[in-house]
Amino acid sequence: MTLTPTPGQTVGPFFGYALPFPRDNELVAPDAPNAVRLHGRVLDGHGDPVPDAILELWQTDADGTVVQEQGSLRRDPATFTGFGRASTDDDGHYSFTTLTPGAPFFAVTVFARGLLNRLFTRAYLPGATDAFLDGLDPDRRSTLLTTTDKTGSMETGPMTGYRFDVHLQGERETVFLSYPRHEA
Protein backbone atom coordinates (compact mmCIF):
# COMPACT_ATOMS: atom_id res chain seq x y z
CA MET A 1 0.00 0.00 0.00
CA THR A 2 1.35 3.44 -0.93
CA LEU A 3 0.41 6.32 1.33
CA THR A 4 -0.50 9.67 -0.15
CA PRO A 5 1.70 12.53 1.08
CA THR A 6 0.00 15.21 3.14
CA PRO A 7 0.98 18.88 3.35
CA GLY A 8 3.95 19.58 5.56
CA GLN A 9 4.37 21.90 8.48
CA THR A 10 7.54 23.54 9.64
CA VAL A 11 9.56 21.50 12.13
CA GLY A 12 9.70 24.21 14.79
CA PRO A 13 10.15 26.30 16.83
CA PHE A 14 8.93 24.15 19.71
CA PHE A 15 12.18 22.48 20.65
CA GLY A 16 12.76 24.26 23.94
CA TYR A 17 10.26 22.14 25.82
CA ALA A 18 9.88 19.07 23.61
CA LEU A 19 13.33 17.70 22.88
CA PRO A 20 16.07 18.59 25.40
CA PHE A 21 17.14 16.08 28.03
CA PRO A 22 19.82 16.32 30.76
CA ARG A 23 23.39 16.52 29.37
CA ASP A 24 22.01 15.91 25.87
CA ASN A 25 25.10 17.46 24.26
CA GLU A 26 27.58 15.34 26.25
CA LEU A 27 28.28 12.08 24.46
CA VAL A 28 31.16 11.82 26.94
CA ALA A 29 31.88 13.88 30.05
CA PRO A 30 33.97 17.01 29.37
CA ASP A 31 36.78 15.66 31.57
CA ALA A 32 36.80 12.18 29.93
CA PRO A 33 40.07 10.98 28.42
CA ASN A 34 40.27 11.88 24.71
CA ALA A 35 37.19 14.15 24.94
CA VAL A 36 36.85 16.61 22.05
CA ARG A 37 34.39 19.37 21.35
CA LEU A 38 32.38 19.73 18.13
CA HIS A 39 30.99 23.25 18.10
CA GLY A 40 29.96 26.08 15.83
CA ARG A 41 27.02 28.21 14.82
CA VAL A 42 23.82 27.77 12.84
CA LEU A 43 23.28 30.73 10.50
CA ASP A 44 20.46 31.74 8.17
CA GLY A 45 20.78 32.94 4.58
CA HIS A 46 21.78 36.44 5.67
CA GLY A 47 24.46 35.15 8.05
CA ASP A 48 22.32 35.89 11.10
CA PRO A 49 22.28 33.41 14.01
CA VAL A 50 19.42 30.93 14.34
CA PRO A 51 18.72 30.98 18.10
CA ASP A 52 16.21 28.14 18.26
CA ALA A 53 17.70 25.29 16.25
CA ILE A 54 18.52 21.81 17.50
CA LEU A 55 21.29 19.66 16.10
CA GLU A 56 21.52 15.91 16.50
CA LEU A 57 24.88 14.20 16.30
CA TRP A 58 25.31 10.60 15.21
CA GLN A 59 28.76 9.06 15.05
CA THR A 60 30.91 5.97 15.24
CA ASP A 61 33.08 5.30 18.25
CA ALA A 62 36.82 6.01 18.18
CA ASP A 63 37.47 2.64 16.49
CA GLY A 64 35.03 3.36 13.65
CA THR A 65 32.37 0.95 14.94
CA VAL A 66 28.73 1.95 14.60
CA VAL A 67 27.48 1.99 18.17
CA GLN A 68 24.45 -0.20 18.85
CA GLU A 69 23.90 0.43 22.55
CA GLN A 70 20.32 0.50 23.77
CA GLY A 71 19.05 3.76 25.17
CA SER A 72 20.57 6.67 23.30
CA LEU A 73 19.38 9.03 26.01
CA ARG A 74 21.50 7.25 28.61
CA ARG A 75 24.30 9.39 29.95
CA ASP A 76 26.67 7.45 32.16
CA PRO A 77 30.47 7.41 32.23
CA ALA A 78 30.75 3.85 30.91
CA THR A 79 28.36 3.85 27.92
CA PHE A 80 29.10 5.65 24.66
CA THR A 81 25.95 5.66 22.52
CA GLY A 82 27.15 7.73 19.55
CA PHE A 83 24.14 10.07 19.83
CA GLY A 84 23.70 13.57 21.21
CA ARG A 85 21.51 16.61 20.84
CA ALA A 86 22.37 20.30 21.30
CA SER A 87 20.28 23.44 21.19
CA THR A 88 21.61 26.71 19.82
CA ASP A 89 21.87 29.74 22.07
CA ASP A 90 20.85 33.31 21.24
CA ASP A 91 23.96 33.73 19.06
CA GLY A 92 23.32 30.47 17.18
CA HIS A 93 26.14 28.60 18.98
CA TYR A 94 25.98 24.87 19.74
CA SER A 95 28.49 22.50 21.31
CA PHE A 96 28.94 18.74 21.77
CA THR A 97 31.48 16.98 23.98
CA THR A 98 32.33 13.67 22.36
CA LEU A 99 35.13 11.49 20.97
CA THR A 100 36.83 11.82 17.61
CA PRO A 101 34.99 9.29 15.42
CA GLY A 102 36.91 6.48 13.74
CA ALA A 103 34.97 7.27 10.55
CA PRO A 104 36.02 10.46 8.74
CA PHE A 105 32.92 12.45 9.73
CA PHE A 106 30.20 13.25 12.24
CA ALA A 107 26.64 12.82 10.90
CA VAL A 108 24.58 15.92 11.76
CA THR A 109 20.81 16.48 11.61
CA VAL A 110 19.44 20.03 11.82
CA PHE A 111 15.96 21.02 13.01
CA ALA A 112 15.08 24.72 12.76
CA ARG A 113 12.16 27.10 12.34
CA GLY A 114 10.92 27.46 8.81
CA LEU A 115 12.16 24.04 7.67
CA LEU A 116 9.57 21.66 6.28
CA ASN A 117 11.77 18.73 7.19
CA ARG A 118 15.01 18.09 9.04
CA LEU A 119 18.27 18.55 7.16
CA PHE A 120 21.09 16.02 7.02
CA THR A 121 24.75 16.89 6.58
CA ARG A 122 28.21 15.70 7.54
CA ALA A 123 31.00 17.42 9.45
CA TYR A 124 34.25 15.96 8.09
CA LEU A 125 37.42 15.87 10.15
CA PRO A 126 40.36 17.95 8.87
CA GLY A 127 42.24 16.08 6.15
CA ALA A 128 39.43 13.52 5.72
CA THR A 129 38.71 11.89 2.40
CA ASP A 130 36.00 9.58 1.11
CA ALA A 131 34.14 9.03 -2.16
CA PHE A 132 31.28 11.40 -1.33
CA LEU A 133 33.48 14.27 -0.19
CA ASP A 134 35.96 13.80 -3.04
CA GLY A 135 33.10 13.86 -5.57
CA LEU A 136 32.01 17.38 -4.60
CA ASP A 137 33.09 20.58 -6.30
CA PRO A 138 35.96 22.02 -4.17
CA ASP A 139 33.93 25.15 -3.31
CA ARG A 140 31.04 23.04 -2.03
CA ARG A 141 33.35 20.51 -0.32
CA SER A 142 34.64 23.25 1.98
CA THR A 143 31.16 23.62 3.54
CA LEU A 144 31.52 20.13 5.05
CA LEU A 145 35.00 20.50 6.55
CA THR A 146 35.65 21.17 10.22
CA THR A 147 38.57 23.26 11.39
CA THR A 148 40.65 22.38 14.43
CA ASP A 149 40.93 24.70 17.40
CA LYS A 150 41.51 24.53 21.13
CA THR A 151 38.51 24.92 23.41
CA GLY A 152 37.91 24.23 27.05
CA SER A 153 37.23 25.80 30.38
CA MET A 154 38.83 26.33 33.76
CA GLU A 155 37.34 23.00 34.92
CA THR A 156 38.32 20.83 31.95
CA GLY A 157 41.38 22.64 30.66
CA PRO A 158 42.15 22.86 26.95
CA MET A 159 40.76 20.18 24.66
CA THR A 160 40.80 19.62 20.93
CA GLY A 161 37.90 21.27 19.24
CA TYR A 162 36.40 20.90 15.79
CA ARG A 163 34.51 23.95 14.54
CA PHE A 164 31.65 23.39 12.10
CA ASP A 165 29.26 26.17 11.11
CA VAL A 166 25.97 25.29 9.43
CA HIS A 167 24.72 27.79 6.84
CA LEU A 168 21.06 27.05 6.05
CA GLN A 169 21.00 29.14 2.85
CA GLY A 170 22.96 31.67 0.90
CA GLU A 171 26.35 31.91 -0.69
CA ARG A 172 28.02 29.64 1.88
CA GLU A 173 25.12 27.17 2.18
CA THR A 174 26.19 23.87 3.72
CA VAL A 175 25.85 20.79 1.52
CA PHE A 176 22.81 18.85 2.70
CA LEU A 177 22.10 15.21 1.88
CA SER A 178 18.96 13.33 0.93
CA TYR A 179 18.46 9.71 1.84
CA PRO A 180 16.16 7.14 0.22
CA ARG A 181 12.59 7.44 1.46
CA HIS A 182 13.35 10.85 2.98
CA GLU A 183 11.20 13.63 1.58
CA ALA A 184 13.35 16.70 0.99
C-alpha atoms as a PDB file:
ATOM      1  CA  MET A   1       0.000   0.000   0.000  1.00  0.00           C
ATOM      2  CA  THR A   2       1.354   3.435  -0.928  1.00  0.00           C
ATOM      3  CA  LEU A   3       0.412   6.315   1.325  1.00  0.00           C
ATOM      4  CA  THR A   4      -0.499   9.673  -0.154  1.00  0.00           C
ATOM      5  CA  PRO A   5       1.697  12.527   1.077  1.00  0.00           C
ATOM      6  CA  THR A   6       0.004  15.210   3.139  1.00  0.00           C
ATOM      7  CA  PRO A   7       0.981  18.881   3.350  1.00  0.00           C
ATOM      8  CA  GLY A   8       3.949  19.583   5.560  1.00  0.00           C
ATOM      9  CA  GLN A   9       4.366  21.900   8.484  1.00  0.00           C
ATOM     10  CA  THR A  10       7.543  23.540   9.642  1.00  0.00           C
ATOM     11  CA  VAL A  11       9.564  21.500  12.131  1.00  0.00           C
ATOM     12  CA  GLY A  12       9.697  24.213  14.790  1.00  0.00           C
ATOM     13  CA  PRO A  13      10.151  26.295  16.832  1.00  0.00           C
ATOM     14  CA  PHE A  14       8.930  24.147  19.706  1.00  0.00           C
ATOM     15  CA  PHE A  15      12.185  22.476  20.650  1.00  0.00           C
ATOM     16  CA  GLY A  16      12.762  24.259  23.945  1.00  0.00           C
ATOM     17  CA  TYR A  17      10.263  22.138  25.815  1.00  0.00           C
ATOM     18  CA  ALA A  18       9.877  19.072  23.612  1.00  0.00           C
ATOM     19  CA  LEU A  19      13.326  17.697  22.882  1.00  0.00           C
ATOM     20  CA  PRO A  20      16.067  18.591  25.404  1.00  0.00           C
ATOM     21  CA  PHE A  21      17.144  16.079  28.029  1.00  0.00           C
ATOM     22  CA  PRO A  22      19.817  16.317  30.755  1.00  0.00           C
ATOM     23  CA  ARG A  23      23.386  16.525  29.369  1.00  0.00           C
ATOM     24  CA  ASP A  24      22.008  15.910  25.872  1.00  0.00           C
ATOM     25  CA  ASN A  25      25.098  17.462  24.258  1.00  0.00           C
ATOM     26  CA  GLU A  26      27.579  15.342  26.253  1.00  0.00           C
ATOM     27  CA  LEU A  27      28.276  12.079  24.462  1.00  0.00           C
ATOM     28  CA  VAL A  28      31.159  11.820  26.942  1.00  0.00           C
ATOM     29  CA  ALA A  29      31.881  13.875  30.047  1.00  0.00           C
ATOM     30  CA  PRO A  30      33.973  17.013  29.374  1.00  0.00           C
ATOM     31  CA  ASP A  31      36.782  15.655  31.574  1.00  0.00           C
ATOM     32  CA  ALA A  32      36.797  12.183  29.929  1.00  0.00           C
ATOM     33  CA  PRO A  33      40.072  10.982  28.423  1.00  0.00           C
ATOM     34  CA  ASN A  34      40.271  11.884  24.710  1.00  0.00           C
ATOM     35  CA  ALA A  35      37.195  14.147  24.938  1.00  0.00           C
ATOM     36  CA  VAL A  36      36.847  16.605  22.050  1.00  0.00           C
ATOM     37  CA  ARG A  37      34.392  19.373  21.348  1.00  0.00           C
ATOM     38  CA  LEU A  38      32.381  19.735  18.126  1.00  0.00           C
ATOM     39  CA  HIS A  39      30.994  23.253  18.099  1.00  0.00           C
ATOM     40  CA  GLY A  40      29.962  26.082  15.830  1.00  0.00           C
ATOM     41  CA  ARG A  41      27.017  28.205  14.822  1.00  0.00           C
ATOM     42  CA  VAL A  42      23.815  27.771  12.840  1.00  0.00           C
ATOM     43  CA  LEU A  43      23.277  30.729  10.496  1.00  0.00           C
ATOM     44  CA  ASP A  44      20.458  31.742   8.166  1.00  0.00           C
ATOM     45  CA  GLY A  45      20.785  32.937   4.577  1.00  0.00           C
ATOM     46  CA  HIS A  46      21.780  36.443   5.674  1.00  0.00           C
ATOM     47  CA  GLY A  47      24.456  35.154   8.047  1.00  0.00           C
ATOM     48  CA  ASP A  48      22.318  35.895  11.104  1.00  0.00           C
ATOM     49  CA  PRO A  49      22.275  33.407  14.008  1.00  0.00           C
ATOM     50  CA  VAL A  50      19.418  30.932  14.342  1.00  0.00           C
ATOM     51  CA  PRO A  51      18.718  30.982  18.104  1.00  0.00           C
ATOM     52  CA  ASP A  52      16.213  28.141  18.263  1.00  0.00           C
ATOM     53  CA  ALA A  53      17.703  25.288  16.255  1.00  0.00           C
ATOM     54  CA  ILE A  54      18.516  21.814  17.498  1.00  0.00           C
ATOM     55  CA  LEU A  55      21.295  19.661  16.098  1.00  0.00           C
ATOM     56  CA  GLU A  56      21.525  15.909  16.505  1.00  0.00           C
ATOM     57  CA  LEU A  57      24.879  14.205  16.301  1.00  0.00           C
ATOM     58  CA  TRP A  58      25.305  10.602  15.207  1.00  0.00           C
ATOM     59  CA  GLN A  59      28.764   9.063  15.046  1.00  0.00           C
ATOM     60  CA  THR A  60      30.915   5.968  15.245  1.00  0.00           C
ATOM     61  CA  ASP A  61      33.079   5.295  18.254  1.00  0.00           C
ATOM     62  CA  ALA A  62      36.817   6.012  18.179  1.00  0.00           C
ATOM     63  CA  ASP A  63      37.475   2.642  16.486  1.00  0.00           C
ATOM     64  CA  GLY A  64      35.031   3.359  13.652  1.00  0.00           C
ATOM     65  CA  THR A  65      32.368   0.948  14.944  1.00  0.00           C
ATOM     66  CA  VAL A  66      28.729   1.948  14.596  1.00  0.00           C
ATOM     67  CA  VAL A  67      27.482   1.986  18.169  1.00  0.00           C
ATOM     68  CA  GLN A  68      24.452  -0.203  18.845  1.00  0.00           C
ATOM     69  CA  GLU A  69      23.899   0.426  22.552  1.00  0.00           C
ATOM     70  CA  GLN A  70      20.317   0.495  23.775  1.00  0.00           C
ATOM     71  CA  GLY A  71      19.046   3.759  25.172  1.00  0.00           C
ATOM     72  CA  SER A  72      20.571   6.668  23.297  1.00  0.00           C
ATOM     73  CA  LEU A  73      19.375   9.030  26.009  1.00  0.00           C
ATOM     74  CA  ARG A  74      21.505   7.249  28.611  1.00  0.00           C
ATOM     75  CA  ARG A  75      24.300   9.387  29.951  1.00  0.00           C
ATOM     76  CA  ASP A  76      26.671   7.453  32.164  1.00  0.00           C
ATOM     77  CA  PRO A  77      30.469   7.414  32.235  1.00  0.00           C
ATOM     78  CA  ALA A  78      30.749   3.854  30.906  1.00  0.00           C
ATOM     79  CA  THR A  79      28.361   3.849  27.916  1.00  0.00           C
ATOM     80  CA  PHE A  80      29.103   5.648  24.665  1.00  0.00           C
ATOM     81  CA  THR A  81      25.949   5.656  22.518  1.00  0.00           C
ATOM     82  CA  GLY A  82      27.154   7.727  19.553  1.00  0.00           C
ATOM     83  CA  PHE A  83      24.144  10.073  19.829  1.00  0.00           C
ATOM     84  CA  GLY A  84      23.703  13.566  21.212  1.00  0.00           C
ATOM     85  CA  ARG A  85      21.515  16.608  20.835  1.00  0.00           C
ATOM     86  CA  ALA A  86      22.368  20.296  21.298  1.00  0.00           C
ATOM     87  CA  SER A  87      20.281  23.444  21.189  1.00  0.00           C
ATOM     88  CA  THR A  88      21.614  26.712  19.816  1.00  0.00           C
ATOM     89  CA  ASP A  89      21.873  29.739  22.073  1.00  0.00           C
ATOM     90  CA  ASP A  90      20.846  33.314  21.239  1.00  0.00           C
ATOM     91  CA  ASP A  91      23.962  33.726  19.064  1.00  0.00           C
ATOM     92  CA  GLY A  92      23.323  30.471  17.176  1.00  0.00           C
ATOM     93  CA  HIS A  93      26.138  28.597  18.983  1.00  0.00           C
ATOM     94  CA  TYR A  94      25.978  24.873  19.744  1.00  0.00           C
ATOM     95  CA  SER A  95      28.491  22.498  21.310  1.00  0.00           C
ATOM     96  CA  PHE A  96      28.940  18.743  21.773  1.00  0.00           C
ATOM     97  CA  THR A  97      31.481  16.978  23.978  1.00  0.00           C
ATOM     98  CA  THR A  98      32.332  13.669  22.360  1.00  0.00           C
ATOM     99  CA  LEU A  99      35.131  11.487  20.968  1.00  0.00           C
ATOM    100  CA  THR A 100      36.832  11.816  17.610  1.00  0.00           C
ATOM    101  CA  PRO A 101      34.994   9.289  15.420  1.00  0.00           C
ATOM    102  CA  GLY A 102      36.911   6.479  13.737  1.00  0.00           C
ATOM    103  CA  ALA A 103      34.966   7.265  10.555  1.00  0.00           C
ATOM    104  CA  PRO A 104      36.024  10.462   8.738  1.00  0.00           C
ATOM    105  CA  PHE A 105      32.918  12.447   9.729  1.00  0.00           C
ATOM    106  CA  PHE A 106      30.197  13.249  12.238  1.00  0.00           C
ATOM    107  CA  ALA A 107      26.639  12.824  10.898  1.00  0.00           C
ATOM    108  CA  VAL A 108      24.579  15.920  11.757  1.00  0.00           C
ATOM    109  CA  THR A 109      20.810  16.484  11.607  1.00  0.00           C
ATOM    110  CA  VAL A 110      19.435  20.028  11.820  1.00  0.00           C
ATOM    111  CA  PHE A 111      15.962  21.025  13.011  1.00  0.00           C
ATOM    112  CA  ALA A 112      15.077  24.720  12.756  1.00  0.00           C
ATOM    113  CA  ARG A 113      12.163  27.102  12.344  1.00  0.00           C
ATOM    114  CA  GLY A 114      10.917  27.458   8.813  1.00  0.00           C
ATOM    115  CA  LEU A 115      12.159  24.044   7.670  1.00  0.00           C
ATOM    116  CA  LEU A 116       9.572  21.662   6.282  1.00  0.00           C
ATOM    117  CA  ASN A 117      11.769  18.727   7.186  1.00  0.00           C
ATOM    118  CA  ARG A 118      15.005  18.089   9.041  1.00  0.00           C
ATOM    119  CA  LEU A 119      18.269  18.549   7.161  1.00  0.00           C
ATOM    120  CA  PHE A 120      21.094  16.022   7.015  1.00  0.00           C
ATOM    121  CA  THR A 121      24.752  16.888   6.584  1.00  0.00           C
ATOM    122  CA  ARG A 122      28.210  15.701   7.543  1.00  0.00           C
ATOM    123  CA  ALA A 123      31.003  17.420   9.452  1.00  0.00           C
ATOM    124  CA  TYR A 124      34.248  15.962   8.094  1.00  0.00           C
ATOM    125  CA  LEU A 125      37.424  15.875  10.154  1.00  0.00           C
ATOM    126  CA  PRO A 126      40.359  17.948   8.874  1.00  0.00           C
ATOM    127  CA  GLY A 127      42.236  16.077   6.147  1.00  0.00           C
ATOM    128  CA  ALA A 128      39.428  13.517   5.723  1.00  0.00           C
ATOM    129  CA  THR A 129      38.713  11.892   2.399  1.00  0.00           C
ATOM    130  CA  ASP A 130      36.002   9.582   1.106  1.00  0.00           C
ATOM    131  CA  ALA A 131      34.138   9.027  -2.160  1.00  0.00           C
ATOM    132  CA  PHE A 132      31.281  11.405  -1.331  1.00  0.00           C
ATOM    133  CA  LEU A 133      33.479  14.269  -0.194  1.00  0.00           C
ATOM    134  CA  ASP A 134      35.959  13.795  -3.045  1.00  0.00           C
ATOM    135  CA  GLY A 135      33.100  13.860  -5.573  1.00  0.00           C
ATOM    136  CA  LEU A 136      32.006  17.379  -4.601  1.00  0.00           C
ATOM    137  CA  ASP A 137      33.092  20.581  -6.298  1.00  0.00           C
ATOM    138  CA  PRO A 138      35.964  22.017  -4.175  1.00  0.00           C
ATOM    139  CA  ASP A 139      33.934  25.146  -3.311  1.00  0.00           C
ATOM    140  CA  ARG A 140      31.041  23.038  -2.029  1.00  0.00           C
ATOM    141  CA  ARG A 141      33.351  20.515  -0.324  1.00  0.00           C
ATOM    142  CA  SER A 142      34.641  23.250   1.979  1.00  0.00           C
ATOM    143  CA  THR A 143      31.156  23.615   3.536  1.00  0.00           C
ATOM    144  CA  LEU A 144      31.522  20.131   5.053  1.00  0.00           C
ATOM    145  CA  LEU A 145      35.004  20.500   6.547  1.00  0.00           C
ATOM    146  CA  THR A 146      35.652  21.171  10.222  1.00  0.00           C
ATOM    147  CA  THR A 147      38.567  23.258  11.390  1.00  0.00           C
ATOM    148  CA  THR A 148      40.653  22.385  14.431  1.00  0.00           C
ATOM    149  CA  ASP A 149      40.931  24.705  17.404  1.00  0.00           C
ATOM    150  CA  LYS A 150      41.505  24.533  21.131  1.00  0.00           C
ATOM    151  CA  THR A 151      38.514  24.915  23.410  1.00  0.00           C
ATOM    152  CA  GLY A 152      37.910  24.226  27.054  1.00  0.00           C
ATOM    153  CA  SER A 153      37.231  25.797  30.385  1.00  0.00           C
ATOM    154  CA  MET A 154      38.832  26.328  33.765  1.00  0.00           C
ATOM    155  CA  GLU A 155      37.338  23.004  34.915  1.00  0.00           C
ATOM    156  CA  THR A 156      38.316  20.828  31.949  1.00  0.00           C
ATOM    157  CA  GLY A 157      41.378  22.636  30.659  1.00  0.00           C
ATOM    158  CA  PRO A 158      42.149  22.862  26.949  1.00  0.00           C
ATOM    159  CA  MET A 159      40.763  20.177  24.662  1.00  0.00           C
ATOM    160  CA  THR A 160      40.803  19.618  20.931  1.00  0.00           C
ATOM    161  CA  GLY A 161      37.902  21.271  19.240  1.00  0.00           C
ATOM    162  CA  TYR A 162      36.400  20.900  15.793  1.00  0.00           C
ATOM    163  CA  ARG A 163      34.508  23.950  14.539  1.00  0.00           C
ATOM    164  CA  PHE A 164      31.648  23.386  12.103  1.00  0.00           C
ATOM    165  CA  ASP A 165      29.258  26.170  11.108  1.00  0.00           C
ATOM    166  CA  VAL A 166      25.967  25.291   9.432  1.00  0.00           C
ATOM    167  CA  HIS A 167      24.715  27.794   6.842  1.00  0.00           C
ATOM    168  CA  LEU A 168      21.059  27.049   6.054  1.00  0.00           C
ATOM    169  CA  GLN A 169      20.997  29.136   2.848  1.00  0.00           C
ATOM    170  CA  GLY A 170      22.961  31.674   0.897  1.00  0.00           C
ATOM    171  CA  GLU A 171      26.354  31.907  -0.695  1.00  0.00           C
ATOM    172  CA  ARG A 172      28.020  29.642   1.885  1.00  0.00           C
ATOM    173  CA  GLU A 173      25.119  27.167   2.181  1.00  0.00           C
ATOM    174  CA  THR A 174      26.187  23.873   3.723  1.00  0.00           C
ATOM    175  CA  VAL A 175      25.853  20.787   1.523  1.00  0.00           C
ATOM    176  CA  PHE A 176      22.805  18.851   2.698  1.00  0.00           C
ATOM    177  CA  LEU A 177      22.097  15.207   1.882  1.00  0.00           C
ATOM    178  CA  SER A 178      18.959  13.329   0.925  1.00  0.00           C
ATOM    179  CA  TYR A 179      18.456   9.706   1.841  1.00  0.00           C
ATOM    180  CA  PRO A 180      16.159   7.144   0.219  1.00  0.00           C
ATOM    181  CA  ARG A 181      12.586   7.435   1.463  1.00  0.00           C
ATOM    182  CA  HIS A 182      13.352  10.852   2.975  1.00  0.00           C
ATOM    183  CA  GLU A 183      11.203  13.634   1.585  1.00  0.00           C
ATOM    184  CA  ALA A 184      13.351  16.705   0.986  1.00  0.00           C
END
